[in-house]
Amino acid sequence: MTAIHVWGIVSTRALRVHWTLQELGLTYGTTPIRTRTPEQTAPAYRAVNPLHKIPTMEIDGVRYTESGAIALELAARFRDRMDLWPEAERARVLEWCFYVAMELDATSLYVIRRHGDLSEIYGEAPVAVSGAREYWLKQAAKAESALADGRPWLLGETFSVADIMLGSCLGWAGRRDVAVPQVLRDYDARLHARPGRRRAEEANEGRMDTAAGGG
C-alpha cells in the first residue's frame, strides 16, 4: 500500500493538497503544522522541508513541495481512481494551474495578505494592496469568461486539478473581502457542494488525524 503523509493545515495552499487527496479517495497521515508557528521553523520540520514552508507531502519516502506541483503529481499518479488531469487536456490544465498560482495567488491575493493581515511583518503598502485588488478583478475575468457559458467546471463537464486550484483561491478571496464576480460565486458554490471539498476542509482545519475520502 502506498504510504502518504502531509505536513500542513489551516492554509489555502495546504487545502489544495488535502482536497486532491480527498477527491482521489486516498488515505493519508497528517502532521498539523501551521504557518508562522514555532513548529514550522523548528528543527524537526526543517529536516522535512529546509525552506520550512507548508505544505509538504511524502509518498513512499519521497518528499514533494509546492501545492500545485503536489496536486498534479497526485493526479498523474492516481488517475486510475479519478482522472483529475485528463490526457487530452494536459496543456489546458497546466495553463489554468499556472494562471491561478501566478496571477490570482502570488500577484494578487498574497500581496493583499502580505501588506494587510501581515503588515507588521512585511510593512504597510496601501497602494500595492489597492493595485492588487484591481489586478485580481482584471485577472479573474479570464475564469469568469470561461464559465460564462454555463459549464460546471473549467474543462466543461470534467472536474480537474484546475478547479481545485481556482477553488482554493476563491475561498481565500472571500475571506479577504475581495470582490468575486457572480459567475465565480456560483461556481464556488458548486465546488463547496462537493463531498471531497467538505472533507478536505475538515482535514485542513485539523479535524482529521488520518483522512480518507472517496466518491
Protein backbone atom coordinates (compact mmCIF):
# COMPACT_ATOMS: atom_id res chain seq x y z
CA MET A 1 0.00 0.00 0.00
CA THR A 2 1.23 3.49 -0.85
CA ALA A 3 2.20 5.46 2.25
CA ILE A 4 1.25 9.15 2.05
CA HIS A 5 1.85 11.85 4.65
CA VAL A 6 1.10 15.58 4.54
CA TRP A 7 2.60 18.31 6.70
CA GLY A 8 0.41 21.41 6.87
CA ILE A 9 -3.07 22.56 7.87
CA VAL A 10 -5.08 25.79 8.09
CA SER A 11 -3.67 27.09 4.84
CA THR A 12 -5.11 27.77 1.40
CA ARG A 13 -2.17 26.03 -0.19
CA ALA A 14 -2.41 23.04 2.13
CA LEU A 15 -6.12 22.83 1.30
CA ARG A 16 -5.21 22.12 -2.33
CA VAL A 17 -3.30 19.03 -1.30
CA HIS A 18 -5.94 17.77 1.14
CA TRP A 19 -8.64 18.40 -1.48
CA THR A 20 -6.81 16.46 -4.18
CA LEU A 21 -6.23 13.55 -1.82
CA GLN A 22 -9.88 13.55 -0.79
CA GLU A 23 -11.19 13.64 -4.36
CA LEU A 24 -8.94 10.68 -5.14
CA GLY A 25 -10.22 8.80 -2.11
CA LEU A 26 -6.77 8.25 -0.65
CA THR A 27 -5.90 7.55 2.98
CA TYR A 28 -3.04 9.55 4.44
CA GLY A 29 -1.48 10.83 7.62
CA THR A 30 -1.22 14.48 8.61
CA THR A 31 1.18 16.42 10.80
CA PRO A 32 -0.70 19.61 11.83
CA ILE A 33 1.99 22.18 11.12
CA ARG A 34 0.53 25.68 10.84
CA THR A 35 2.11 28.61 9.09
CA ARG A 36 4.00 31.15 11.21
CA THR A 37 4.18 28.98 14.30
CA PRO A 38 7.21 27.75 16.26
CA GLU A 39 6.55 24.25 14.91
CA GLN A 40 7.01 25.47 11.35
CA THR A 41 10.54 26.74 11.99
CA ALA A 42 11.57 24.04 14.48
CA PRO A 43 14.50 21.74 13.57
CA ALA A 44 12.12 18.76 13.27
CA TYR A 45 10.21 20.37 10.39
CA ARG A 46 13.29 21.94 8.83
CA ALA A 47 14.57 18.38 8.48
CA VAL A 48 11.44 17.64 6.45
CA ASN A 49 11.47 20.84 4.38
CA PRO A 50 14.58 23.09 4.67
CA LEU A 51 12.51 26.07 3.46
CA HIS A 52 10.02 25.29 6.27
CA LYS A 53 7.07 26.10 4.02
CA ILE A 54 3.77 24.23 4.06
CA PRO A 55 2.50 22.01 2.64
CA THR A 56 4.99 19.18 2.20
CA MET A 57 3.89 15.72 1.07
CA GLU A 58 5.72 12.41 1.24
CA ILE A 59 4.83 9.38 -0.88
CA ASP A 60 6.71 6.17 -0.17
CA GLY A 61 9.65 8.09 1.28
CA VAL A 62 9.89 10.74 -1.48
CA ARG A 63 9.01 14.31 -0.49
CA TYR A 64 7.37 16.97 -2.62
CA THR A 65 6.73 20.67 -2.06
CA GLU A 66 4.73 23.41 -3.84
CA SER A 67 0.98 22.82 -3.60
CA GLY A 68 0.23 22.96 -7.32
CA ALA A 69 3.03 20.54 -8.15
CA ILE A 70 1.84 18.16 -5.43
CA ALA A 71 -1.74 18.24 -6.72
CA LEU A 72 -0.56 17.49 -10.26
CA GLU A 73 1.72 14.68 -9.09
CA LEU A 74 -1.16 13.08 -7.21
CA ALA A 75 -3.45 13.45 -10.22
CA ALA A 76 -0.92 11.84 -12.53
CA ARG A 77 -0.02 9.02 -10.16
CA PHE A 78 -3.55 8.05 -9.13
CA ARG A 79 -5.56 8.79 -12.27
CA ASP A 80 -6.96 5.24 -12.14
CA ARG A 81 -9.01 6.36 -9.13
CA MET A 82 -10.30 9.57 -10.73
CA ASP A 83 -8.93 11.36 -13.77
CA LEU A 84 -8.21 14.83 -12.41
CA TRP A 85 -5.71 15.55 -15.20
CA PRO A 86 -7.15 14.23 -18.49
CA GLU A 87 -4.56 13.34 -21.10
CA ALA A 88 -6.44 15.24 -23.81
CA GLU A 89 -6.44 18.38 -21.66
CA ARG A 90 -2.96 18.21 -20.14
CA ALA A 91 -1.77 21.54 -21.51
CA ARG A 92 -5.07 23.27 -20.71
CA VAL A 93 -4.96 22.09 -17.09
CA LEU A 94 -1.37 23.32 -16.78
CA GLU A 95 -2.40 26.67 -18.23
CA TRP A 96 -5.14 27.07 -15.64
CA CYS A 97 -2.90 25.93 -12.77
CA PHE A 98 -0.11 28.36 -13.62
CA TYR A 99 -2.64 31.16 -14.15
CA VAL A 100 -4.11 30.58 -10.69
CA ALA A 101 -0.74 30.24 -8.97
CA MET A 102 0.76 33.36 -10.52
CA GLU A 103 -1.99 35.80 -11.47
CA LEU A 104 -4.53 35.13 -8.71
CA ASP A 105 -2.44 33.76 -5.85
CA ALA A 106 1.06 35.27 -5.89
CA THR A 107 0.43 38.54 -7.72
CA SER A 108 -2.98 39.37 -6.26
CA LEU A 109 -4.15 37.63 -3.11
CA TYR A 110 -0.80 37.15 -1.44
CA VAL A 111 0.10 40.82 -1.95
CA ILE A 112 -3.14 41.70 -0.17
CA ARG A 113 -2.34 39.28 2.64
CA ARG A 114 1.30 40.35 3.00
CA HIS A 115 0.55 44.05 3.27
CA GLY A 116 -2.82 43.68 5.01
CA ASP A 117 -3.03 40.86 7.56
CA LEU A 118 0.76 40.56 7.78
CA SER A 119 1.69 44.24 7.55
CA GLU A 120 3.52 44.04 10.87
CA ILE A 121 5.96 41.65 9.14
CA TYR A 122 6.06 42.96 5.56
CA GLY A 123 5.10 46.59 6.05
CA GLU A 124 2.04 48.59 5.12
CA ALA A 125 1.65 49.29 1.41
CA PRO A 126 -1.87 50.60 0.73
CA VAL A 127 -1.10 51.43 -2.90
CA ALA A 128 0.15 47.89 -3.50
CA VAL A 129 -2.94 46.42 -1.82
CA SER A 130 -5.27 48.62 -3.85
CA GLY A 131 -3.46 47.70 -7.05
CA ALA A 132 -3.60 44.00 -6.17
CA ARG A 133 -7.36 44.20 -5.67
CA GLU A 134 -7.78 45.81 -9.08
CA TYR A 135 -5.44 43.25 -10.65
CA TRP A 136 -7.43 40.41 -9.09
CA LEU A 137 -10.63 41.57 -10.79
CA LYS A 138 -8.85 42.01 -14.10
CA GLN A 139 -7.34 38.54 -13.98
CA ALA A 140 -10.46 36.85 -12.56
CA ALA A 141 -12.21 37.90 -15.76
CA LYS A 142 -10.40 35.06 -17.56
CA ALA A 143 -12.07 32.42 -15.38
CA GLU A 144 -15.35 34.34 -15.41
CA SER A 145 -15.36 34.30 -19.21
CA ALA A 146 -14.59 30.58 -19.38
CA LEU A 147 -17.50 29.73 -17.06
CA ALA A 148 -19.98 32.20 -18.52
CA ASP A 149 -21.36 29.62 -20.97
CA GLY A 150 -22.85 27.67 -18.06
CA ARG A 151 -20.31 24.85 -17.89
CA PRO A 152 -19.97 23.42 -14.37
CA TRP A 153 -16.15 23.20 -14.37
CA LEU A 154 -13.25 24.83 -16.16
CA LEU A 155 -12.91 21.91 -18.60
CA GLY A 156 -16.65 21.63 -19.11
CA GLU A 157 -18.23 18.51 -17.62
CA THR A 158 -14.89 17.22 -16.26
CA PHE A 159 -13.75 18.26 -12.79
CA SER A 160 -9.96 18.60 -12.63
CA VAL A 161 -6.95 19.83 -10.66
CA ALA A 162 -7.55 23.20 -12.32
CA ASP A 163 -10.82 23.51 -10.38
CA ILE A 164 -9.07 22.64 -7.13
CA MET A 165 -6.51 25.36 -7.75
CA LEU A 166 -9.08 28.00 -8.68
CA GLY A 167 -11.50 26.97 -5.93
CA SER A 168 -8.84 27.35 -3.26
CA CYS A 169 -8.22 30.93 -4.37
CA LEU A 170 -11.90 31.81 -4.46
CA GLY A 171 -12.25 30.73 -0.84
CA TRP A 172 -9.20 32.82 0.03
CA ALA A 173 -10.66 35.84 -1.78
CA GLY A 174 -13.91 35.53 0.15
CA ARG A 175 -12.06 35.60 3.47
CA ARG A 176 -10.16 38.74 2.39
CA ASP A 177 -13.31 40.60 1.31
CA VAL A 178 -12.07 40.64 -2.28
CA ALA A 179 -14.74 41.18 -4.93
CA VAL A 180 -15.75 38.00 -6.76
CA PRO A 181 -17.94 38.15 -9.91
CA GLN A 182 -21.32 36.40 -9.65
CA VAL A 183 -20.37 33.71 -12.19
CA LEU A 184 -17.44 32.74 -9.97
CA ARG A 185 -19.56 32.87 -6.81
CA ASP A 186 -21.97 30.38 -8.39
CA TYR A 187 -19.05 28.19 -9.43
CA ASP A 188 -17.63 28.40 -5.90
CA ALA A 189 -20.97 27.21 -4.51
CA ARG A 190 -20.77 24.14 -6.76
CA LEU A 191 -17.26 23.45 -5.53
CA HIS A 192 -18.32 23.71 -1.89
CA ALA A 193 -21.11 21.21 -2.55
CA ARG A 194 -18.58 18.52 -3.47
CA PRO A 195 -18.08 15.92 -0.70
CA GLY A 196 -14.34 15.96 -1.43
CA ARG A 197 -14.19 19.69 -0.74
CA ARG A 198 -16.06 19.33 2.54
CA ARG A 199 -13.80 16.51 3.71
CA ALA A 200 -10.73 18.48 2.65
CA GLU A 201 -11.82 21.45 4.74
CA GLU A 202 -12.18 19.17 7.77
CA ALA A 203 -8.67 17.82 7.17
CA ASN A 204 -7.26 21.30 6.60
CA GLU A 205 -8.85 22.50 9.83
CA GLY A 206 -7.12 19.70 11.73
CA ARG A 207 -10.31 17.76 12.43
CA MET A 208 -8.96 14.52 10.93
CA ASP A 209 -5.94 12.61 12.24
CA THR A 210 -5.93 10.34 9.20
CA ALA A 211 -8.10 11.38 6.29
CA ALA A 212 -9.82 9.11 3.83
CA GLY A 213 -12.13 10.08 1.03
CA GLY A 214 -13.91 8.57 -1.88
CA GLY A 215 -16.81 9.00 -4.23
